[in-house]
Structures are given as C-alpha cells and as structure tokens.
Protein backbone atom coordinates (compact mmCIF):
# COMPACT_ATOMS: atom_id res chain seq x y z
CA UNK A 1 -8.56 32.33 -6.61
CA UNK A 2 -8.24 30.32 -3.85
CA UNK A 3 -5.06 29.60 -2.07
CA UNK A 4 -3.82 27.12 -0.13
CA UNK A 5 -1.46 27.00 3.31
CA UNK A 6 1.50 24.78 2.98
CA UNK A 7 3.95 25.03 5.71
CA UNK A 8 7.18 26.21 4.26
CA UNK A 9 9.40 23.67 5.10
CA UNK A 10 7.04 21.04 3.02
CA UNK A 11 7.81 23.47 0.53
CA UNK A 12 11.50 23.28 0.81
CA UNK A 13 11.47 19.74 1.70
CA UNK A 14 9.97 18.82 -1.41
CA UNK A 15 12.07 20.91 -3.93
CA UNK A 16 15.19 19.11 -2.13
CA UNK A 17 13.70 16.18 -2.27
CA UNK A 18 13.64 16.47 -5.91
CA UNK A 19 16.99 17.82 -6.22
CA UNK A 20 15.73 20.94 -7.92
CA UNK A 21 17.34 24.40 -7.09
CA UNK A 22 15.36 27.57 -6.03
CA UNK A 23 16.03 28.96 -9.65
CA UNK A 24 14.63 26.00 -11.65
CA UNK A 25 11.27 26.20 -9.76
CA UNK A 26 10.98 29.96 -10.11
CA UNK A 27 11.45 29.84 -13.72
CA UNK A 28 8.33 27.97 -14.23
CA UNK A 29 6.52 29.19 -10.95
CA UNK A 30 7.62 32.85 -10.20
CA UNK A 31 5.93 32.86 -6.79
CA UNK A 32 7.93 29.60 -5.81
CA UNK A 33 10.50 31.90 -3.64
CA UNK A 34 7.73 33.20 -1.52
CA UNK A 35 6.05 30.28 -1.01
CA UNK A 36 9.35 28.71 0.67
CA UNK A 37 9.77 31.56 2.94
CA UNK A 38 5.84 31.69 3.90
CA UNK A 39 5.18 34.98 2.50
CA UNK A 40 2.83 33.56 -0.41
CA UNK A 41 0.40 30.39 -0.81
CA UNK A 42 0.36 28.76 -4.10
CA UNK A 43 -3.48 27.94 -5.49
CA UNK A 44 -4.37 24.44 -6.01
CA UNK A 45 -3.48 24.58 -9.79
CA UNK A 46 0.23 25.65 -8.79
CA UNK A 47 0.45 22.97 -6.06
CA UNK A 48 -0.70 20.34 -8.33
CA UNK A 49 2.19 21.45 -11.00
CA UNK A 50 4.42 21.57 -7.89
CA UNK A 51 3.90 18.17 -6.74
CA UNK A 52 3.98 16.80 -10.76
CA UNK A 53 7.41 18.33 -10.88
CA UNK A 54 8.79 17.20 -7.59
CA UNK A 55 7.31 13.71 -8.35
CA UNK A 56 5.08 13.85 -5.15
CA UNK A 57 1.48 12.88 -4.41
CA UNK A 58 -0.85 16.13 -4.02
CA UNK A 59 -1.81 14.96 -0.63
CA UNK A 60 1.99 15.20 0.78
CA UNK A 61 1.31 19.08 0.51
CA UNK A 62 -1.51 18.89 3.25
CA UNK A 63 0.46 16.82 6.03
CA UNK A 64 1.38 18.89 8.93
CA UNK A 65 5.14 18.34 8.61
CA UNK A 66 7.81 17.06 6.29
CA UNK A 67 8.11 13.23 6.64
CA UNK A 68 11.52 12.65 8.23
CA UNK A 69 14.44 10.79 6.84
CA UNK A 70 14.20 7.59 8.91
CA UNK A 71 11.81 4.98 9.39
CA UNK A 72 9.00 5.72 12.09
CA UNK A 73 8.61 1.96 12.88
CA UNK A 74 10.91 -1.26 13.63
CA UNK A 75 12.70 -2.75 10.62
CA UNK A 76 12.47 -6.28 10.73
CA UNK A 77 13.35 -7.24 7.65
CA UNK A 78 17.04 -9.43 6.73
CA UNK A 79 20.40 -7.69 7.37
CA UNK A 80 21.02 -7.88 3.52
CA UNK A 81 17.96 -6.40 2.93
CA UNK A 82 18.02 -3.22 5.05
CA UNK A 83 19.52 -0.57 2.68
CA UNK A 84 18.62 3.08 3.03
CA UNK A 85 15.00 3.44 2.90
CA UNK A 86 13.98 5.04 -0.16
CA UNK A 87 11.91 7.98 -0.24
CA UNK A 88 9.06 6.03 -1.77
CA UNK A 89 9.01 3.76 1.00
CA UNK A 90 9.25 6.76 3.55
CA UNK A 91 6.38 8.63 2.15
CA UNK A 92 4.31 5.36 1.99
CA UNK A 93 4.91 4.89 5.70
CA UNK A 94 3.44 8.44 6.37
CA UNK A 95 0.88 8.15 4.57
CA UNK A 96 -0.16 4.85 6.04
CA UNK A 97 0.24 6.53 9.60
CA UNK A 98 -2.07 9.28 8.75
CA UNK A 99 -4.73 7.34 7.67
CA UNK A 100 -4.39 5.13 10.95
CA UNK A 101 -4.65 8.66 13.00
CA UNK A 102 -7.37 9.52 11.24
CA UNK A 103 -9.20 6.56 11.32
CA UNK A 104 -8.59 5.91 14.70
CA UNK A 105 -9.81 9.58 15.69
CA UNK A 106 -13.38 8.53 13.71
CA UNK A 107 -13.35 5.11 15.88
CA UNK A 108 -12.67 7.06 18.96
CA UNK A 109 -15.74 9.66 18.09
CA UNK A 110 -18.08 6.66 17.50
CA UNK A 111 -17.11 4.73 20.42
CA UNK A 112 -15.72 2.01 19.02
CA UNK A 113 -14.77 -0.61 21.48
CA UNK A 114 -10.83 -1.64 21.35
CA UNK A 115 -9.83 -4.79 19.72
CA UNK A 116 -8.61 -7.35 22.54
CA UNK A 117 -6.55 -9.25 20.22
CA UNK A 118 -4.24 -6.33 19.62
CA UNK A 119 -0.90 -7.53 21.66
CA UNK A 120 -2.49 -10.34 23.71
CA UNK A 121 -0.11 -13.12 22.84
CA UNK A 122 3.83 -13.09 23.53
CA UNK A 123 6.67 -14.30 21.54
CA UNK A 124 7.04 -16.83 24.07
CA UNK A 125 3.55 -18.53 23.47
CA UNK A 126 3.60 -21.69 21.56
CA UNK A 127 3.43 -21.16 17.65
CA UNK A 128 0.06 -23.40 17.71
CA UNK A 129 -1.95 -21.47 20.22
CA UNK A 130 -0.86 -18.34 18.63
CA UNK A 131 -2.13 -19.59 14.98
CA UNK A 132 -5.03 -21.05 16.48
CA UNK A 133 -6.20 -17.60 18.03
CA UNK A 134 -5.98 -15.84 14.84
CA UNK A 135 -7.90 -18.52 13.33
CA UNK A 136 -10.74 -18.08 15.90
CA UNK A 137 -10.86 -14.21 15.12
CA UNK A 138 -10.33 -14.30 11.17
CA UNK A 139 -12.26 -16.92 9.54
CA UNK A 140 -10.34 -18.06 6.49
CA UNK A 141 -12.39 -18.86 3.94
CA UNK A 142 -11.91 -22.75 1.73
CA UNK A 143 -8.95 -21.81 -0.81
CA UNK A 144 -8.21 -23.87 -3.70
CA UNK A 145 -5.75 -22.41 -6.15
CA UNK A 146 -5.54 -24.36 -8.93
CA UNK A 147 -5.16 -21.11 -11.54
CA UNK A 148 -4.51 -17.91 -10.87
CA UNK A 149 -7.59 -16.70 -10.92
CA UNK A 150 -8.60 -18.91 -8.21
CA UNK A 151 -5.87 -17.42 -6.13
CA UNK A 152 -6.69 -13.96 -6.87
CA UNK A 153 -10.07 -14.85 -5.41
CA UNK A 154 -8.49 -16.70 -2.40
CA UNK A 155 -6.56 -13.38 -1.54
CA UNK A 156 -10.00 -10.91 -1.98
CA UNK A 157 -11.68 -13.04 0.26
CA UNK A 158 -9.25 -13.24 3.13
CA UNK A 159 -8.74 -9.61 3.14
CA UNK A 160 -12.56 -9.20 3.39
CA UNK A 161 -12.45 -11.21 6.30
CA UNK A 162 -9.38 -9.87 7.93
CA UNK A 163 -11.49 -6.42 7.29
CA UNK A 164 -14.57 -8.01 8.86
CA UNK A 165 -12.34 -8.57 11.90
CA UNK A 166 -11.78 -5.11 12.24
CA UNK A 167 -8.21 -4.60 10.51
CA UNK A 168 -7.40 -2.03 7.78
CA UNK A 169 -5.81 -3.29 4.66
CA UNK A 170 -4.28 -1.49 1.88
CA UNK A 171 -2.12 -2.07 -0.77
CA UNK A 172 0.08 -0.86 -3.45
CA UNK A 173 3.42 -1.43 -5.15
CA UNK A 174 6.82 -1.71 -3.78
CA UNK A 175 9.92 -0.28 -5.30
CA UNK A 176 12.37 -2.75 -6.65
CA UNK A 177 15.93 -2.35 -5.39
CA UNK A 178 19.09 -3.71 -6.11
CA UNK A 179 20.13 -5.62 -3.41
CA UNK A 180 22.09 -8.25 -4.84
CA UNK A 181 24.29 -6.81 -7.50
CA UNK A 182 22.62 -7.83 -11.29
CA UNK A 183 19.22 -8.48 -9.22
CA UNK A 184 16.02 -6.72 -8.35
CA UNK A 185 13.84 -7.43 -5.01
CA UNK A 186 10.88 -5.44 -3.91
CA UNK A 187 12.49 -3.05 -0.87
CA UNK A 188 9.50 -4.56 1.50
CA UNK A 189 6.86 -7.02 1.03
CA UNK A 190 4.37 -5.99 4.23
CA UNK A 191 3.60 -3.40 6.86
CA UNK A 192 1.88 -3.18 9.88
CA UNK A 193 1.04 -0.51 12.12
CA UNK A 194 -0.39 -1.84 15.44
CA UNK A 195 -2.99 0.18 17.34
CA UNK A 196 -6.24 -1.22 19.60
CA UNK A 197 -8.47 0.98 17.33
CA UNK A 198 -6.96 1.07 13.94
CA UNK A 199 -4.51 -1.81 13.01
CA UNK A 200 -3.52 -1.46 9.61
CA UNK A 201 -1.68 -4.08 7.14
CA UNK A 202 -0.07 -2.62 3.90
CA UNK A 203 0.91 -5.38 1.33
CA UNK A 204 3.32 -4.84 -1.68
CA UNK A 205 0.76 -5.98 -4.47
CA UNK A 206 3.28 -6.30 -6.83
CA UNK A 207 4.21 -9.34 -5.30
CA UNK A 208 2.85 -13.12 -6.46
CA UNK A 209 -0.74 -13.77 -4.90
CA UNK A 210 0.34 -16.79 -2.93
CA UNK A 211 3.43 -14.49 -1.46
CA UNK A 212 0.75 -11.76 -0.33
CA UNK A 213 -0.99 -14.48 1.24
CA UNK A 214 1.67 -15.36 3.58
CA UNK A 215 2.69 -11.90 4.26
CA UNK A 216 -0.98 -11.36 5.18
CA UNK A 217 -1.04 -13.64 7.93
CA UNK A 218 2.58 -13.31 8.77
CA UNK A 219 1.40 -9.34 9.58
CA UNK A 220 -1.48 -10.78 11.39
CA UNK A 221 0.81 -11.97 14.10
CA UNK A 222 2.97 -9.35 14.22
CA UNK A 223 -0.70 -7.54 15.35
CA UNK A 224 -0.90 -10.25 17.94
CA UNK A 225 2.08 -9.69 19.22
CA UNK A 226 1.35 -6.13 19.22
CA UNK A 227 4.59 -5.13 17.16
CA UNK A 228 4.39 -2.75 14.66
CA UNK A 229 7.46 -2.84 11.92
CA UNK A 230 8.26 -3.43 8.04
CA UNK A 231 8.56 -7.08 6.84
CA UNK A 232 9.71 -9.28 4.18
CA UNK A 233 8.48 -12.60 5.22
CA UNK A 234 9.88 -14.29 2.23
CA UNK A 235 13.69 -13.78 2.95
CA UNK A 236 13.25 -14.16 6.85
CA UNK A 237 12.16 -17.93 5.95
CA UNK A 238 16.05 -18.63 5.63
CA UNK A 239 17.93 -16.09 6.85
CA UNK A 240 18.93 -15.68 10.34
CA UNK A 241 16.62 -13.01 11.52
CA UNK A 242 15.55 -11.54 14.92
CA UNK A 243 13.45 -13.76 16.93
CA UNK A 244 10.12 -11.54 16.40
CA UNK A 245 9.98 -11.97 12.59
CA UNK A 246 11.20 -15.97 12.87
CA UNK A 247 8.07 -16.52 15.31
CA UNK A 248 5.88 -14.73 13.02
CA UNK A 249 6.93 -16.61 10.17
CA UNK A 250 6.47 -20.14 12.03
CA UNK A 251 3.08 -18.56 13.33
CA UNK A 252 1.64 -17.95 9.75
CA UNK A 253 2.84 -20.95 8.17
CA UNK A 254 1.06 -22.80 11.27
CA UNK A 255 -2.15 -20.73 10.39
CA UNK A 256 -2.00 -21.54 6.78
CA UNK A 257 -0.94 -24.90 6.70
CA UNK A 258 -1.25 -26.65 9.94
CA UNK A 259 1.91 -29.18 10.56
CA UNK A 260 -0.76 -31.66 11.37
CA UNK A 261 -2.93 -31.43 8.14
CA UNK A 262 0.65 -31.11 6.08
CA UNK A 263 1.70 -34.65 7.20
CA UNK A 264 -1.03 -36.53 6.48
CA UNK A 265 -1.28 -34.87 3.20
CA UNK A 266 2.62 -35.43 2.14
CA UNK A 267 3.35 -37.93 -0.32
CA UNK A 268 7.05 -39.30 0.50
CA UNK A 269 7.37 -40.99 -2.61
CA UNK A 270 6.45 -38.38 -5.30
CA UNK A 271 9.28 -36.23 -6.36
CA UNK A 272 10.13 -33.19 -4.72
CA UNK A 273 8.85 -30.49 -6.95
CA UNK A 274 5.56 -31.93 -8.10
CA UNK A 275 4.56 -32.61 -4.55
CA UNK A 276 5.37 -28.95 -3.59
CA UNK A 277 3.52 -27.69 -6.49
CA UNK A 278 0.35 -30.15 -5.72
CA UNK A 279 0.25 -28.80 -1.89
CA UNK A 280 1.08 -25.00 -2.89
CA UNK A 281 -2.41 -25.73 -5.10
CA UNK A 282 -4.05 -27.50 -2.35
CA UNK A 283 -3.05 -25.14 0.50
CA UNK A 284 -3.17 -22.15 -1.85
CA UNK A 285 -0.22 -20.96 -0.71
CA UNK A 286 3.66 -20.24 -2.21
CA UNK A 287 5.80 -23.68 -2.95
CA UNK A 288 8.45 -21.60 -0.90
CA UNK A 289 5.96 -22.32 2.32
CA UNK A 290 5.28 -25.91 1.33
CA UNK A 291 9.32 -26.39 1.19
CA UNK A 292 9.69 -24.71 4.53
CA UNK A 293 6.96 -26.83 6.17
CA UNK A 294 8.76 -30.30 4.57
CA UNK A 295 11.63 -29.01 6.46
CA UNK A 296 10.41 -28.30 9.82
CA UNK A 297 8.37 -31.57 9.19
CA UNK A 298 11.95 -33.40 8.67
CA UNK A 299 10.72 -34.64 5.53
CA UNK A 300 13.92 -33.11 3.64
CA UNK A 301 17.39 -32.28 5.04
CA UNK A 302 18.73 -28.75 5.06
CA UNK A 303 20.74 -29.11 1.92
CA UNK A 304 17.98 -30.07 0.00
CA UNK A 305 15.75 -27.59 1.15
CA UNK A 306 18.04 -24.72 0.67
CA UNK A 307 18.88 -25.96 -3.20
CA UNK A 308 15.27 -26.16 -3.34
CA UNK A 309 14.11 -23.08 -2.22
CA UNK A 310 16.70 -21.20 -4.16
CA UNK A 311 15.14 -22.88 -7.41
CA UNK A 312 11.73 -21.76 -5.83
CA UNK A 313 12.56 -18.04 -5.49
CA UNK A 314 13.69 -17.69 -8.90
CA UNK A 315 10.62 -19.30 -10.49
CA UNK A 316 8.14 -17.23 -8.15
CA UNK A 317 10.31 -13.83 -9.24
CA UNK A 318 9.57 -14.48 -12.80
CA UNK A 319 5.89 -15.03 -11.86
CA UNK A 320 5.57 -11.93 -9.93
CA UNK A 321 7.54 -9.84 -12.83
CA UNK A 322 5.24 -11.17 -15.24
CA UNK A 323 1.80 -11.02 -13.88
CA UNK A 324 1.84 -9.49 -10.55
CA UNK A 325 -1.81 -9.96 -8.79
CA UNK A 326 -3.26 -12.05 -11.97
CA UNK A 327 -2.33 -9.05 -14.37
CA UNK A 328 -4.91 -6.64 -12.98
CA UNK A 329 -4.16 -3.27 -11.91
CA UNK A 330 -5.62 -2.30 -8.40
CA UNK A 331 -8.57 0.24 -8.18
CA UNK A 332 -8.50 3.04 -5.83
CA UNK A 333 -10.84 1.09 -3.79
CA UNK A 334 -8.59 -1.85 -3.33
CA UNK A 335 -5.71 0.30 -2.71
CA UNK A 336 -6.82 1.88 0.61
CA UNK A 337 -9.42 -0.81 1.51
CA UNK A 338 -13.09 -0.68 2.09
CA UNK A 339 -12.94 -0.64 5.48
CA UNK A 340 -11.25 2.72 5.42
CA UNK A 341 -12.90 3.89 2.20
CA UNK A 342 -16.82 3.54 4.09
CA UNK A 343 -15.31 5.51 6.88
CA UNK A 344 -13.85 8.26 4.58
CA UNK A 345 -17.37 8.04 2.41
CA UNK A 346 -19.19 8.75 5.63
CA UNK A 347 -16.90 11.94 6.41
CA UNK A 348 -17.16 13.09 2.99
CA UNK A 349 -21.17 12.88 1.89
CA UNK A 350 -22.02 14.29 5.34
CA UNK A 351 -19.43 17.40 5.09
CA UNK A 352 -17.34 16.30 7.86
CA UNK A 353 -14.65 16.36 5.45
CA UNK A 354 -14.18 18.42 2.71
CA UNK A 355 -12.67 17.77 -0.84
CA UNK A 356 -8.85 18.53 -0.29
CA UNK A 357 -8.72 16.59 3.30
CA UNK A 358 -9.75 13.64 1.47
CA UNK A 359 -7.50 14.16 -1.39
CA UNK A 360 -4.75 14.16 1.15
CA UNK A 361 -5.57 10.67 3.07
CA UNK A 362 -6.00 8.99 -0.29
CA UNK A 363 -2.83 10.45 -1.59
CA UNK A 364 -4.94 11.66 -4.87
CA UNK A 365 -3.95 13.94 -7.41
CA UNK A 366 -7.58 14.32 -9.08
CA UNK A 367 -11.25 15.32 -7.11
CA UNK A 368 -12.62 12.84 -9.09
CA UNK A 369 -10.64 10.19 -7.11
CA UNK A 370 -12.38 10.80 -3.81
CA UNK A 371 -15.76 9.90 -5.65
CA UNK A 372 -14.22 6.89 -6.91
CA UNK A 373 -13.77 5.85 -3.67
CA UNK A 374 -16.30 7.48 -1.41
CA UNK A 375 -19.07 6.97 -4.21
CA UNK A 376 -19.56 4.48 -6.45
CA UNK A 377 -16.81 1.75 -5.98
CA UNK A 378 -17.73 -0.25 -9.23
CA UNK A 379 -17.00 2.50 -11.56
CA UNK A 380 -13.41 3.22 -10.82
CA UNK A 381 -11.25 1.47 -13.45
CA UNK A 382 -12.14 0.17 -17.06
CA UNK A 383 -11.13 -3.18 -17.88
CA UNK A 384 -8.14 -3.85 -19.33
CA UNK A 385 -6.94 -6.98 -21.34
CA UNK A 386 -5.57 -9.72 -19.73
CA UNK A 387 -1.53 -9.25 -18.94
CA UNK A 388 -1.80 -5.20 -19.76
CA UNK A 389 0.47 -3.36 -18.18
CA UNK A 390 -1.94 -0.48 -17.11
CA UNK A 391 -1.31 2.03 -14.22
CA UNK A 392 -3.17 1.22 -11.09
CA UNK A 393 -5.38 4.07 -11.79
CA UNK A 394 -6.36 5.18 -15.55
CA UNK A 395 -9.55 6.98 -15.75
CA UNK A 396 -13.11 6.98 -14.33
CA UNK A 397 -16.13 5.16 -15.96
CA UNK A 398 -18.80 7.45 -15.31
CA UNK A 399 -21.96 5.39 -14.44
CA UNK A 400 -25.13 5.96 -16.65
CA UNK A 401 -27.29 9.42 -15.30
CA UNK A 402 -30.44 8.06 -13.68
CA UNK A 403 -33.37 9.88 -14.99
CA UNK A 404 -34.26 12.23 -12.38
CA UNK A 405 -30.75 13.66 -11.38
CA UNK A 406 -30.43 15.30 -8.18
CA UNK A 407 -28.35 17.98 -8.48
CA UNK A 408 -25.37 18.81 -5.77
CA UNK A 409 -25.66 21.70 -3.56
CA UNK A 410 -23.49 24.90 -4.11
CA UNK A 411 -21.33 23.82 -1.28
CA UNK A 412 -20.93 20.39 -1.51
CA UNK A 413 -17.61 18.69 -2.96
CA UNK A 414 -19.41 17.46 -6.07
CA UNK A 415 -20.21 20.58 -6.89
CA UNK A 416 -16.52 22.10 -6.60
CA UNK A 417 -15.54 19.13 -8.79
CA UNK A 418 -18.26 19.97 -11.62
CA UNK A 419 -16.77 23.73 -11.68
CA UNK A 420 -13.27 22.36 -11.88
CA UNK A 421 -12.41 23.45 -15.34
CA UNK A 422 -10.96 20.68 -17.81
CA UNK A 423 -12.30 18.07 -15.69
CA UNK A 424 -14.97 15.67 -16.51
CA UNK A 425 -18.46 16.92 -14.90
CA UNK A 426 -20.19 14.98 -12.10
CA UNK A 427 -22.74 17.28 -11.55
CA UNK A 428 -25.50 15.24 -12.93
CA UNK A 429 -24.64 12.34 -10.87
CA UNK A 430 -23.58 12.35 -7.13
CA UNK A 431 -23.44 8.45 -5.79
CA UNK A 432 -25.33 7.53 -3.52
CA UNK A 433 -23.70 7.23 0.05
CA UNK A 434 -22.74 3.77 1.52
CA UNK A 435 -23.74 2.82 4.92
CA UNK A 436 -20.34 2.96 7.17
C-alpha cells in the first residue's frame, strides 16, 4: 500500500498535543512507535485514523515542521483578552501562513505585480485620508441591512470586492474562551497577514454579520499599514490598546460610517436605542459602531456611551450565539475564498499539484473536499433548515451526470478518488475547469 512520509517530530507533536501515551496509540496502531522514530511510515488510511484520534486536520501531517507553541504574528488584542493562545488558534495561523506562502509562489510564477497599497500608509497619517484610500481601492457596495438576509448578502458582496482588489479572504469559527469568569467570547475576531503579493484576511464566522463587516474593514486598515496580527476590534473600541489597533478602528469606522454623513443623519431628538438601531440598519453596521461614532461626534457623553455600549455588547453576544452568519453553515468555498479556490483549482486541474498537497492546504480530511473546492462550487453542501445547527461540511451533493461523461485518466486525482474504497465515486463526473 502507498505510504506517506511524515516527519517524526510531527508524529510526536500530534501525540503530545492530544495528551496520549505511546502505549495508548500503539494499542490501536501497532506500528506507531516506528513512525515516531522514523523507522517506518504510515499509510494514508492509518494517518487519517491518527488525525482523528489526535483531533487534528489531516493536512497538518503534510507540514514540513510542527507548529510552534506561540503566535507567529503580532497580538493586537486588548490586554484582558491575551490568554495563552489555544492550539486551535496556533493551527489556524499556521495553516493560513501555509496557504499564503503557496499563493505567493503561484503569484510570483505568474509574474503578478505587487499590490501598491500594501504598507502605503503610516499610523501618523490622517484617519480620513487612509479611509478614503481604502474606499478608492475597494469599491464598497451600497448596503441596506433591514433584515439578517440583507446583512449576509452585504457581507458577501463586500468580500467579493475585497478579493477583486487582490486580497485573500478566508473564514472559520473561533473557539470561545472564558476571558471573564462566567462568560465566553471568541478568542479572536480577525487576523491579517500582510504581503505584497498574497495579503490574507481571516474572519471569525461565528460572530454577527455586522461585526464581521467592521472586522473586515479593520483588517484592511492593517494591510494599508503593512501590519500583520491577531485582532479583536469589538473589545478594543473601548479598551486602552496599542496605537496601531486604535488607529485601525478609527479608520474602519470612518470608511464605513463617514463622520460627516453620520452628523447629517443623526436625530438628536430620537431615543438613543432606537436611533442607534435605525442608523445601524442604514449603514449596515453594528450598533456598537454607531454608539462609538455618536461619542466621537460629541452627541453623547462618556458615561452614556459606556453604559449603552455594555448593553449593546450583551445583545450582540446573544444574536451571535443564536444565529451566527444568518444561521447558515459555511461552504468549503466560503472558508478558503474564491480567489484562493480558483488558484488551487488551476493547479489541481492542470496536474501541477496532487490530491494530497491540495488536502494539506485545505485542511481537508476527505479527497472529495478537494473537488468540492476545485471543481463544482455550487454542489458542495445541501441546504439546511433555517437556524439548524449543522457542521460546516456535511456532505457533497453530487451534480447530475451528463449524458456523455468524460472518464478520468488513471493518473488523475479524480481517478484516485474513484478507486478509494468506501467513498462515493466521482469517476463518472469530473467538474469542468474554472478559469484562474
């Protein structure tokens, strides 16, 4: 059987991370001690079982080294949020860096020009100037968030525009952590990896849609400053934080809710709560940002702002817990973004990358997920009932087979999927190549 070469230190790291002893794994996988010393290599089937037992994505066993035990990028979260980073956070950062490195190599091979706006501004520049520069590069679509579906569509449209500007946008869930006893909050809400050819933004998809919109623009401000890092913009709106994070918050607020337009729209005679709700819907943004804008414009004092802000935070947490992204699970395509998926599809479908390499970049556990992302984007996940708690990847809905199906060659990734036992065969249908 085909065996997979895995660095012994990765095997050892996976066991230690899961808190398992050598004897425990050897009882189920007799050859495990030899894998850890490098004397033997596991089969793909055995590696899948090890990934399941160590609670890891299969793709981590294709990394050249074990993830470090500390963040590889700057931590811009508020001081009270900076607990020891979880293994999930470390793995997510490492996987995104791996994707970014691969995409950058592809961009250089295709002789793509560097993005001039990366690192083009400084924290000393006027906030309005930086916000206008972002709006000049990223065409923010008109937004109207009178209901949750409108908000979700607005987020998708904004992500499309950000990717059209040359930026990778990826999404996933953040692990809740007990920052304050008795409460749980996401460990982070956004991450940005600055690069002239492969800038990458990662959003916490378990957050409210309005909050994700603000985080997206907040991370754009980081790119204009050329600063990579982990962020939690909602908490840093009121906390005493680094100048970098405060600046990016002000830029994001100005880009989404220009202060001049906000002053004209504000009704001084309306109740604070109803006015915040009205303008939050009009600007398609969280009422937390509206409160901050009202405070910046001197429409409310500090005491009123902080009291109203805490009430709005509690309300936002309830909404995020109940609905997330309009109650819908993410498709594999939404998780990695269209720009990255198109580049990966071009590499896989032209046989410049094999199935296992693609699985490593996707963090996938099944070969079918590669074709879900690299092939037919519209048949990745079945519709779920409104509000249903479904995993982000349930199963593939295989599209109808054409009358005359093109059979894959014996060397193709699709043929390898078809030969795999206990998998649904895709040999009768291979998705048409998408242009890169």
